[in-house]
Amino acid sequence: PELLAPAGNIESYFAALENGADAIYVGYRHYNARALAANFTLEDIARLNEYAHGQGVRLYVALNSAVREEEIEEITSTLAGLSQIEPDGLIIQDGAIARLCHRNFPNLNLHASTLMTVHNGAGVDQLQSMGFQRVVLARELALEELANIAASTTLELEVFVHGALCYSYSGLCLTSSFYGGRSSVRGRCVQPCRRLYRS
């Protein structure tokens, strides 16, 4: 198994390196599910990628927010930059990004974000047919369900072992948009699931 750690800033990147992570994922400055973190520019990512590889650690880049029509040109430019950097994987949730990569940047390995809400083997098969190299399974699955899916595929699978668990299904929560006017699928969740409620 691969131990993968998130890094929203440079301090957490080096903490992951120094504490035994096999791989690290970082967010591009725009278009990732943690838009409120510090995140990184393409220039930063190029340096982080080179340094991680020098340490024998893989680097993945999260570009996993939903993309609007008017953002396609900028996303394409970003993908061109990432294609030159060649991180070990690109974590995405939007099918448009997958299509752009297949057509223009086939050297980018695609990882399906947990925000794609894959809860079963049929979903994994679909993503494999779409050219994904890895699926980050939905966080709501039980160990038995994970085992059954793993037994039915040769695709790389990733699961969360620590972190936030929304009270909605992964990638389908609209509560943040309702309460705070900020979309979780655009990386701006106001985390209503962490508030105190009374019945």
Protein backbone atom coordinates (compact mmCIF):
# COMPACT_ATOMS: atom_id res chain seq x y z
CA PRO A 1 0.00 0.00 0.00
CA GLU A 2 0.95 3.61 -0.58
CA LEU A 3 0.66 6.14 2.26
CA LEU A 4 -0.55 9.37 0.67
CA ALA A 5 -0.66 12.66 2.59
CA PRO A 6 -2.22 16.01 1.66
CA ALA A 7 -0.22 19.23 1.69
CA GLY A 8 -2.10 22.52 1.53
CA ASN A 9 1.04 24.57 2.20
CA ILE A 10 4.81 24.21 2.14
CA GLU A 11 5.04 23.33 5.85
CA SER A 12 2.70 20.36 5.50
CA TYR A 13 4.56 19.27 2.35
CA PHE A 14 7.85 18.97 4.24
CA ALA A 15 6.09 17.42 7.25
CA ALA A 16 4.74 14.67 4.97
CA LEU A 17 8.19 14.13 3.44
CA GLU A 18 9.90 13.95 6.83
CA ASN A 19 7.36 11.57 8.34
CA GLY A 20 7.36 8.76 5.81
CA ALA A 21 4.72 9.56 3.19
CA ASP A 22 5.12 7.50 0.02
CA ALA A 23 3.27 10.17 -1.92
CA ILE A 24 1.92 13.68 -1.39
CA TYR A 25 -0.91 15.50 -3.08
CA VAL A 26 -1.00 19.25 -3.47
CA GLY A 27 -3.63 21.59 -4.84
CA TYR A 28 -3.12 23.87 -7.79
CA ARG A 29 -3.80 27.49 -6.85
CA HIS A 30 -7.18 27.43 -8.65
CA TYR A 31 -9.71 24.72 -9.39
CA ASN A 32 -9.24 22.36 -6.48
CA ALA A 33 -11.55 21.19 -3.71
CA ARG A 34 -9.58 23.06 -1.06
CA ALA A 35 -9.71 26.53 -2.59
CA LEU A 36 -9.33 28.16 0.82
CA ALA A 37 -5.93 26.52 1.48
CA ALA A 38 -2.69 28.26 0.49
CA ASN A 39 -2.15 25.86 -2.46
CA PHE A 40 0.53 26.20 -5.14
CA THR A 41 1.33 27.81 -8.48
CA LEU A 42 2.59 25.83 -11.47
CA GLU A 43 6.11 27.07 -10.70
CA ASP A 44 5.77 25.83 -7.11
CA ILE A 45 4.45 22.47 -8.29
CA ALA A 46 7.39 22.02 -10.68
CA ARG A 47 9.84 22.53 -7.80
CA LEU A 48 7.86 20.33 -5.38
CA ASN A 49 7.63 17.58 -8.00
CA GLU A 50 11.37 17.61 -8.67
CA TYR A 51 12.23 17.62 -4.97
CA ALA A 52 9.75 14.85 -4.12
CA HIS A 53 11.10 12.64 -6.89
CA GLY A 54 14.62 13.25 -5.61
CA GLN A 55 13.44 11.84 -2.27
CA GLY A 56 11.76 8.83 -3.91
CA VAL A 57 8.27 10.23 -3.18
CA ARG A 58 5.46 10.57 -5.72
CA LEU A 59 3.56 13.85 -6.21
CA TYR A 60 -0.07 14.14 -7.26
CA VAL A 61 -1.87 17.36 -8.13
CA ALA A 62 -5.50 18.04 -7.21
CA LEU A 63 -7.44 19.85 -9.91
CA ASN A 64 -10.72 18.51 -8.57
CA SER A 65 -13.30 21.26 -8.58
CA ALA A 66 -16.19 21.49 -11.02
CA VAL A 67 -15.29 23.57 -14.08
CA ARG A 68 -17.51 26.23 -15.63
CA GLU A 69 -17.79 26.81 -19.37
CA GLU A 70 -15.93 30.12 -19.27
CA GLU A 71 -13.01 28.44 -17.46
CA ILE A 72 -12.21 25.83 -20.12
CA GLU A 73 -9.55 27.96 -21.82
CA GLU A 74 -7.74 28.63 -18.54
CA ILE A 75 -8.01 24.98 -17.50
CA THR A 76 -6.50 23.93 -20.83
CA SER A 77 -3.58 26.29 -20.28
CA THR A 78 -3.11 24.88 -16.76
CA LEU A 79 -3.16 21.32 -18.11
CA ALA A 80 -0.51 22.27 -20.66
CA GLY A 81 1.73 23.45 -17.82
CA LEU A 82 1.09 20.31 -15.77
CA SER A 83 1.79 18.17 -18.82
CA GLN A 84 5.29 19.66 -18.96
CA ILE A 85 5.83 19.18 -15.21
CA GLU A 86 4.59 15.56 -15.36
CA PRO A 87 3.42 14.92 -11.80
CA ASP A 88 2.66 11.28 -11.00
CA GLY A 89 -1.08 11.82 -11.15
CA LEU A 90 -3.82 14.40 -11.60
CA ILE A 91 -6.79 14.12 -9.22
CA ILE A 92 -9.97 15.31 -10.95
CA GLN A 93 -13.76 15.20 -10.59
CA ASP A 94 -14.92 16.91 -13.80
CA GLY A 95 -15.35 14.84 -16.95
CA ALA A 96 -14.39 17.83 -19.08
CA ILE A 97 -10.88 17.75 -17.63
CA ALA A 98 -10.64 14.02 -18.40
CA ARG A 99 -11.66 14.69 -22.00
CA LEU A 100 -9.17 17.54 -22.38
CA CYS A 101 -6.39 15.33 -21.02
CA HIS A 102 -7.21 12.41 -23.33
CA ARG A 103 -7.35 14.66 -26.38
CA ASN A 104 -4.40 16.95 -25.66
CA PHE A 105 -2.30 15.75 -22.71
CA PRO A 106 -2.29 11.93 -22.70
CA ASN A 107 0.88 11.82 -20.58
CA LEU A 108 -1.12 12.94 -17.51
CA ASN A 109 -2.25 10.01 -15.33
CA LEU A 110 -5.82 10.53 -14.19
CA HIS A 111 -7.04 9.76 -10.68
CA ALA A 112 -10.79 9.97 -10.07
CA SER A 113 -11.43 12.13 -7.02
CA THR A 114 -13.64 10.90 -4.19
CA LEU A 115 -15.91 13.73 -5.34
CA MET A 116 -16.87 11.54 -8.32
CA THR A 117 -18.88 9.49 -5.80
CA VAL A 118 -17.84 5.98 -6.82
CA HIS A 119 -19.59 3.51 -4.51
CA ASN A 120 -19.37 0.25 -6.46
CA GLY A 121 -17.46 -1.94 -8.89
CA ALA A 122 -19.56 -0.83 -11.86
CA GLY A 123 -18.45 2.77 -11.25
CA VAL A 124 -14.82 1.66 -11.09
CA ASP A 125 -15.25 -0.26 -14.37
CA GLN A 126 -16.73 2.82 -16.02
CA LEU A 127 -13.81 5.00 -14.99
CA GLN A 128 -11.33 2.37 -16.14
CA SER A 129 -13.01 2.40 -19.56
CA MET A 130 -12.59 6.20 -19.56
CA GLY A 131 -8.83 5.87 -19.11
CA PHE A 132 -8.43 6.57 -15.39
CA GLN A 133 -5.46 4.93 -13.67
CA ARG A 134 -6.83 5.23 -10.12
CA VAL A 135 -10.15 5.72 -8.35
CA VAL A 136 -10.44 7.36 -4.95
CA LEU A 137 -13.48 5.53 -3.61
CA ALA A 138 -16.31 7.29 -1.82
CA ARG A 139 -15.67 7.80 1.88
CA GLU A 140 -18.95 6.21 2.96
CA LEU A 141 -17.98 2.64 2.03
CA ALA A 142 -17.55 -0.04 4.69
CA LEU A 143 -14.50 -2.35 4.77
CA GLU A 144 -16.48 -5.26 3.31
CA GLU A 145 -17.65 -3.10 0.41
CA LEU A 146 -14.09 -1.91 -0.22
CA ALA A 147 -12.86 -5.52 -0.25
CA ASN A 148 -15.55 -6.58 -2.74
CA ILE A 149 -14.70 -3.73 -5.10
CA ALA A 150 -10.96 -4.42 -4.83
CA ALA A 151 -11.53 -8.09 -5.67
CA SER A 152 -13.37 -7.19 -8.87
CA THR A 153 -10.85 -4.82 -10.51
CA THR A 154 -7.22 -4.42 -11.51
CA LEU A 155 -7.46 -0.63 -11.31
CA GLU A 156 -5.56 1.20 -8.55
CA LEU A 157 -7.87 2.07 -5.66
CA GLU A 158 -7.41 4.70 -2.99
CA VAL A 159 -9.32 5.08 0.27
CA PHE A 160 -9.38 7.67 3.02
CA VAL A 161 -8.11 6.39 6.37
CA HIS A 162 -8.21 9.73 8.18
CA GLY A 163 -9.95 13.02 7.55
CA ALA A 164 -13.30 14.71 7.36
CA LEU A 165 -16.42 12.69 6.63
CA CYS A 166 -19.29 14.80 5.33
CA TYR A 167 -22.77 13.91 6.47
CA SER A 168 -23.76 13.93 2.82
CA TYR A 169 -22.49 11.56 0.15
CA SER A 170 -19.01 12.39 -1.13
CA GLY A 171 -19.24 15.00 -3.86
CA LEU A 172 -23.00 15.46 -3.64
CA CYS A 173 -23.42 17.90 -0.75
CA LEU A 174 -25.35 21.11 -1.43
CA THR A 175 -25.63 22.14 2.22
CA SER A 176 -22.75 24.59 2.02
CA SER A 177 -24.36 26.27 -0.98
CA PHE A 178 -27.68 26.44 0.88
CA TYR A 179 -26.32 27.84 4.15
CA GLY A 180 -23.34 29.86 3.02
CA GLY A 181 -23.75 30.44 -0.70
CA ARG A 182 -20.43 28.67 -1.33
CA SER A 183 -20.25 25.47 -3.32
CA SER A 184 -18.39 22.46 -1.96
CA VAL A 185 -17.81 21.18 -5.51
CA ARG A 186 -16.03 24.45 -6.24
CA GLY A 187 -13.74 24.02 -3.24
CA ARG A 188 -15.39 26.64 -1.04
CA CYS A 189 -17.28 24.55 1.51
CA VAL A 190 -18.20 26.46 4.68
CA GLN A 191 -18.27 23.09 6.51
CA PRO A 192 -21.80 23.14 7.92
CA CYS A 193 -21.25 19.53 9.04
CA ARG A 194 -18.88 20.80 11.74
CA ARG A 195 -21.44 23.09 13.37
CA LEU A 196 -23.44 22.33 16.48
CA TYR A 197 -27.09 21.46 15.87
CA ARG A 198 -30.06 20.95 18.18
CA SER A 199 -33.14 18.88 17.48
